[in-house]
Amino acid sequence: MTTTTTNPTTPSNVLPLRGRFDGIERPYTEDDVRRLRGSLRVEHTIARHGAERLWQLMHERPFVRALGALTGNQAVQMVRGGLEAIYMSGWQVAADGNPSGMYPDQSLYPADGVPNLVRRINQSLQRADQIDHAEGRTKHHWFAPIVADAEAGFGGPLNAFELMKSMIAAGAAGVHFEDQLSSAKKCGHLGGKVLVPTNQFIRTLVAARLAADVMDVPTVLIARTDADSARLLTSDVDPADRPFIK
């Protein structure tokens, strides 16, 4: 595949988004994106609005405050209390929003667990917005951007691609992936964490960005690492990792 710096997704005219992807190389073409979209263009309004607003807030504030919400009512109260963004943790879902039982932070829940919670919270925020709009109240911006935890992607690049699509369809504004080995995922506070090589993690991130481009949403994609405390790596063949291996 060829490399292109052309943006397959066209952001709106929100000022901070102009030039957002300048200098970013994508190892796929606009034709690849169009081919994967299908013949019917589906709009993802909440995800697009959230991504644009999150990016704008990040340029207007030193930082954006957020708390983790597990229910729609919690999210409504957070926005009513003045928070401008909502966080969605995989740990929360594993422990208290898990149809498979109550587990620690080890990705022991269905891959659609976080997208389903994102969808429910957005539905609650949408209802709060409808009520205020009907009564002429404009104090709160109810569609607070949701930043969602995608763990280590629940597998390889294809899994990350499908998970990112599900996050966007549910209305997530930002999504973060981590560089742990998905099958050995552990909470960041625990020992025994296993990382994947840098270039393998990059493939996960590329798959996630491709999914966002296919969905035509400028999702804020966040890469996080456990390299500061992890001591294990699946392979030392990646030249990018060698300066940091002891």
Protein backbone atom coordinates (compact mmCIF):
# COMPACT_ATOMS: atom_id res chain seq x y z
CA MET A 1 0.00 0.00 0.00
CA THR A 2 1.12 3.55 -0.60
CA THR A 3 1.53 6.27 1.97
CA THR A 4 -0.51 9.44 1.73
CA THR A 5 -0.73 12.60 3.81
CA THR A 6 -4.11 13.48 2.32
CA ASN A 7 -6.92 13.41 4.86
CA PRO A 8 -9.54 10.77 3.96
CA THR A 9 -11.88 12.36 6.47
CA THR A 10 -12.86 15.99 6.05
CA PRO A 11 -13.25 17.82 9.37
CA SER A 12 -15.82 20.56 9.79
CA ASN A 13 -14.91 24.24 9.86
CA VAL A 14 -14.37 24.31 13.62
CA LEU A 15 -11.20 26.40 13.83
CA PRO A 16 -9.01 24.05 15.94
CA LEU A 17 -9.69 21.23 13.49
CA ARG A 18 -8.21 23.05 10.53
CA GLY A 19 -4.95 21.39 9.62
CA ARG A 20 -5.38 18.87 12.41
CA PHE A 21 -3.95 16.01 10.35
CA ASP A 22 -1.24 17.98 8.56
CA GLY A 23 1.94 15.94 8.45
CA ILE A 24 0.20 12.74 9.56
CA GLU A 25 1.01 9.82 7.28
CA ARG A 26 -1.58 7.15 6.65
CA PRO A 27 -0.36 3.87 5.07
CA TYR A 28 -3.53 3.62 3.00
CA THR A 29 -5.22 5.69 0.34
CA GLU A 30 -8.51 7.56 0.04
CA ASP A 31 -9.63 4.88 -2.42
CA ASP A 32 -9.06 2.26 0.29
CA VAL A 33 -11.28 4.23 2.65
CA ARG A 34 -14.03 4.73 0.08
CA ARG A 35 -13.98 1.04 -0.81
CA LEU A 36 -14.50 0.07 2.82
CA ARG A 37 -17.34 2.53 3.42
CA GLY A 38 -19.89 0.79 1.26
CA SER A 39 -22.40 2.41 -1.07
CA LEU A 40 -24.50 4.16 1.61
CA ARG A 41 -22.90 6.89 3.67
CA VAL A 42 -23.97 6.65 7.31
CA GLU A 43 -23.71 9.75 9.51
CA HIS A 44 -22.44 9.45 13.09
CA THR A 45 -23.51 12.83 14.39
CA ILE A 46 -22.90 12.39 18.11
CA ALA A 47 -19.42 10.94 17.62
CA ARG A 48 -18.46 13.67 15.15
CA HIS A 49 -19.81 16.45 17.36
CA GLY A 50 -18.05 14.99 20.38
CA ALA A 51 -14.71 14.58 18.60
CA GLU A 52 -14.78 18.13 17.29
CA ARG A 53 -15.79 19.55 20.66
CA LEU A 54 -13.16 17.52 22.53
CA TRP A 55 -10.44 18.72 20.17
CA GLN A 56 -11.66 22.29 20.57
CA LEU A 57 -11.73 22.06 24.37
CA MET A 58 -8.19 20.67 24.36
CA HIS A 59 -7.06 23.82 22.54
CA GLU A 60 -9.01 26.20 24.76
CA ARG A 61 -8.15 24.71 28.17
CA PRO A 62 -4.89 23.75 29.89
CA PHE A 63 -6.62 20.41 30.48
CA VAL A 64 -10.14 18.96 30.28
CA ARG A 65 -11.60 17.58 33.51
CA ALA A 66 -13.48 14.28 33.35
CA LEU A 67 -14.73 11.62 35.73
CA GLY A 68 -15.66 8.04 34.99
CA ALA A 69 -19.39 7.40 34.61
CA LEU A 70 -20.98 3.98 34.89
CA THR A 71 -24.62 4.99 34.41
CA GLY A 72 -26.48 7.54 32.36
CA ASN A 73 -27.71 9.28 35.48
CA GLN A 74 -24.15 9.68 36.75
CA ALA A 75 -23.16 11.29 33.45
CA VAL A 76 -26.14 13.65 33.58
CA GLN A 77 -25.19 14.72 37.11
CA MET A 78 -21.57 15.21 36.04
CA VAL A 79 -22.56 17.56 33.22
CA ARG A 80 -25.01 19.34 35.51
CA GLY A 81 -22.14 19.80 37.97
CA GLY A 82 -19.97 21.48 35.34
CA LEU A 83 -17.83 18.73 33.81
CA GLU A 84 -17.25 19.13 30.08
CA ALA A 85 -16.22 15.54 29.27
CA ILE A 86 -16.96 12.00 30.46
CA TYR A 87 -14.51 9.12 30.82
CA MET A 88 -15.40 5.48 30.18
CA SER A 89 -13.05 2.98 31.79
CA GLY A 90 -12.66 -0.68 30.92
CA TRP A 91 -12.00 -1.25 34.61
CA GLN A 92 -15.47 0.13 35.41
CA VAL A 93 -17.09 -2.17 32.87
CA ALA A 94 -15.16 -5.23 34.06
CA ALA A 95 -16.07 -4.61 37.70
CA ASP A 96 -19.59 -3.25 37.60
CA GLY A 97 -21.01 -3.26 34.08
CA ASN A 98 -20.12 -6.79 33.09
CA PRO A 99 -22.69 -9.37 31.94
CA SER A 100 -20.02 -12.05 32.43
CA GLY A 101 -19.58 -11.39 36.15
CA MET A 102 -17.43 -9.14 38.33
CA TYR A 103 -13.75 -9.18 37.39
CA PRO A 104 -10.58 -7.13 37.91
CA ASP A 105 -9.09 -4.94 35.18
CA GLN A 106 -7.94 -7.71 32.83
CA SER A 107 -10.26 -7.25 29.81
CA LEU A 108 -12.49 -10.03 31.15
CA TYR A 109 -15.68 -8.74 29.59
CA PRO A 110 -17.27 -8.82 26.12
CA ALA A 111 -15.60 -6.60 23.52
CA ASP A 112 -18.84 -4.66 23.05
CA GLY A 113 -19.06 -3.86 26.78
CA VAL A 114 -17.62 -0.34 26.58
CA PRO A 115 -19.42 0.62 23.32
CA ASN A 116 -22.73 -0.50 24.85
CA LEU A 117 -22.12 1.66 27.92
CA VAL A 118 -21.10 4.62 25.74
CA ARG A 119 -24.37 4.25 23.85
CA ARG A 120 -26.48 4.15 27.03
CA ILE A 121 -24.78 7.22 28.46
CA ASN A 122 -25.20 9.16 25.22
CA GLN A 123 -28.89 8.24 25.24
CA SER A 124 -29.22 9.71 28.73
CA LEU A 125 -27.39 12.88 27.73
CA GLN A 126 -29.56 13.15 24.63
CA ARG A 127 -32.72 12.90 26.74
CA ALA A 128 -31.46 15.60 29.12
CA ASP A 129 -30.75 17.80 26.10
CA GLN A 130 -34.24 17.18 24.69
CA ILE A 131 -35.86 18.19 27.98
CA ASP A 132 -33.85 21.41 28.28
CA HIS A 133 -34.37 22.24 24.62
CA ALA A 134 -38.14 21.77 24.91
CA GLU A 135 -38.25 24.06 27.93
CA GLY A 136 -35.97 26.70 26.44
CA ARG A 137 -33.06 26.14 28.81
CA THR A 138 -29.53 26.53 27.44
CA LYS A 139 -27.33 26.46 30.56
CA HIS A 140 -25.72 23.05 29.93
CA HIS A 141 -23.96 21.58 26.91
CA TRP A 142 -25.36 18.10 27.39
CA PHE A 143 -23.45 16.31 24.66
CA ALA A 144 -20.25 16.07 26.66
CA PRO A 145 -17.52 14.25 24.71
CA ILE A 146 -16.95 10.69 25.93
CA VAL A 147 -13.41 9.31 26.02
CA ALA A 148 -13.60 5.50 25.97
CA ASP A 149 -11.15 2.78 26.95
CA ALA A 150 -10.42 0.26 24.18
CA GLU A 151 -7.94 -1.67 26.33
CA ALA A 152 -5.35 -3.39 24.09
CA GLY A 153 -7.85 -3.79 21.26
CA PHE A 154 -9.12 -7.26 22.22
CA GLY A 155 -6.84 -8.94 19.68
CA GLY A 156 -4.99 -7.91 16.53
CA PRO A 157 -5.46 -5.01 14.09
CA LEU A 158 -8.74 -6.38 12.72
CA ASN A 159 -10.16 -6.56 16.24
CA ALA A 160 -9.03 -2.98 16.89
CA PHE A 161 -10.62 -1.89 13.59
CA GLU A 162 -14.00 -3.39 14.49
CA LEU A 163 -13.85 -2.16 18.08
CA MET A 164 -13.14 1.40 16.92
CA LYS A 165 -16.11 1.24 14.56
CA SER A 166 -18.32 0.10 17.43
CA MET A 167 -17.05 2.93 19.64
CA ILE A 168 -17.84 5.52 16.98
CA ALA A 169 -21.27 4.05 16.22
CA ALA A 170 -22.01 4.34 19.96
CA GLY A 171 -20.96 8.00 19.94
CA ALA A 172 -17.48 8.00 21.49
CA ALA A 173 -15.51 11.20 20.90
CA GLY A 174 -12.11 9.86 21.88
CA VAL A 175 -10.75 6.33 22.21
CA HIS A 176 -7.51 5.14 23.78
CA PHE A 177 -5.57 1.96 23.05
CA GLU A 178 -2.67 0.58 25.07
CA ASP A 179 0.46 -1.35 24.13
CA GLN A 180 -0.01 -4.42 26.32
CA LEU A 181 -0.34 -7.91 24.88
CA SER A 182 -4.11 -8.29 24.65
CA SER A 183 -4.21 -11.93 25.76
CA ALA A 184 -2.14 -11.15 28.87
CA LYS A 185 -3.71 -7.78 29.73
CA LYS A 186 -3.34 -6.63 33.34
CA CYS A 187 -4.27 -3.57 35.30
CA GLY A 188 -1.57 -0.91 35.07
CA HIS A 189 -0.98 -1.13 38.83
CA LEU A 190 -0.09 -4.83 38.69
CA GLY A 191 3.21 -6.53 37.95
CA GLY A 192 3.77 -8.99 35.13
CA LYS A 193 2.56 -6.73 32.34
CA VAL A 194 3.65 -7.81 28.85
CA LEU A 195 4.12 -5.25 26.08
CA VAL A 196 4.06 -5.73 22.33
CA PRO A 197 6.78 -4.29 20.05
CA THR A 198 6.33 -0.65 19.07
CA ASN A 199 5.62 -1.40 15.42
CA GLN A 200 2.97 -3.93 16.36
CA PHE A 201 1.27 -1.28 18.48
CA ILE A 202 1.48 1.16 15.58
CA ARG A 203 -0.43 -1.34 13.43
CA THR A 204 -3.18 -1.34 16.04
CA LEU A 205 -3.32 2.46 15.97
CA VAL A 206 -3.35 2.53 12.16
CA ALA A 207 -6.26 0.08 12.15
CA ALA A 208 -8.14 2.31 14.59
CA ARG A 209 -7.51 5.44 12.52
CA LEU A 210 -8.57 3.60 9.37
CA ALA A 211 -11.83 2.69 11.11
CA ALA A 212 -12.41 6.33 12.04
CA ASP A 213 -11.74 7.42 8.47
CA VAL A 214 -14.14 4.78 7.16
CA MET A 215 -16.77 6.09 9.58
CA ASP A 216 -15.88 9.65 8.47
CA VAL A 217 -15.39 10.89 12.04
CA PRO A 218 -12.26 12.75 13.26
CA THR A 219 -12.12 10.68 16.46
CA VAL A 220 -9.45 11.72 18.96
CA LEU A 221 -7.21 8.64 18.98
CA ILE A 222 -5.06 8.30 22.10
CA ALA A 223 -2.06 5.99 22.38
CA ARG A 224 -1.10 5.05 25.93
CA THR A 225 1.76 2.92 27.16
CA ASP A 226 2.60 0.82 30.20
CA ALA A 227 6.30 0.94 29.33
CA ASP A 228 7.17 2.93 32.45
CA SER A 229 6.41 -0.02 34.74
CA ALA A 230 6.28 -3.10 32.47
CA ARG A 231 9.28 -5.43 32.45
CA LEU A 232 8.27 -7.94 29.77
CA LEU A 233 8.17 -7.70 25.97
CA THR A 234 6.89 -10.32 23.54
CA SER A 235 9.86 -9.83 21.20
CA ASP A 236 13.05 -7.76 20.95
CA VAL A 237 13.23 -7.81 17.14
CA ASP A 238 11.84 -4.28 16.69
CA PRO A 239 14.73 -1.79 16.24
CA ALA A 240 12.54 0.93 17.75
CA ASP A 241 12.54 -0.89 21.08
CA ARG A 242 16.21 -1.78 21.38
CA PRO A 243 17.48 1.48 22.92
CA PHE A 244 15.07 0.92 25.83
CA ILE A 245 15.73 -2.77 26.49
CA LYS A 246 18.01 -3.57 29.41
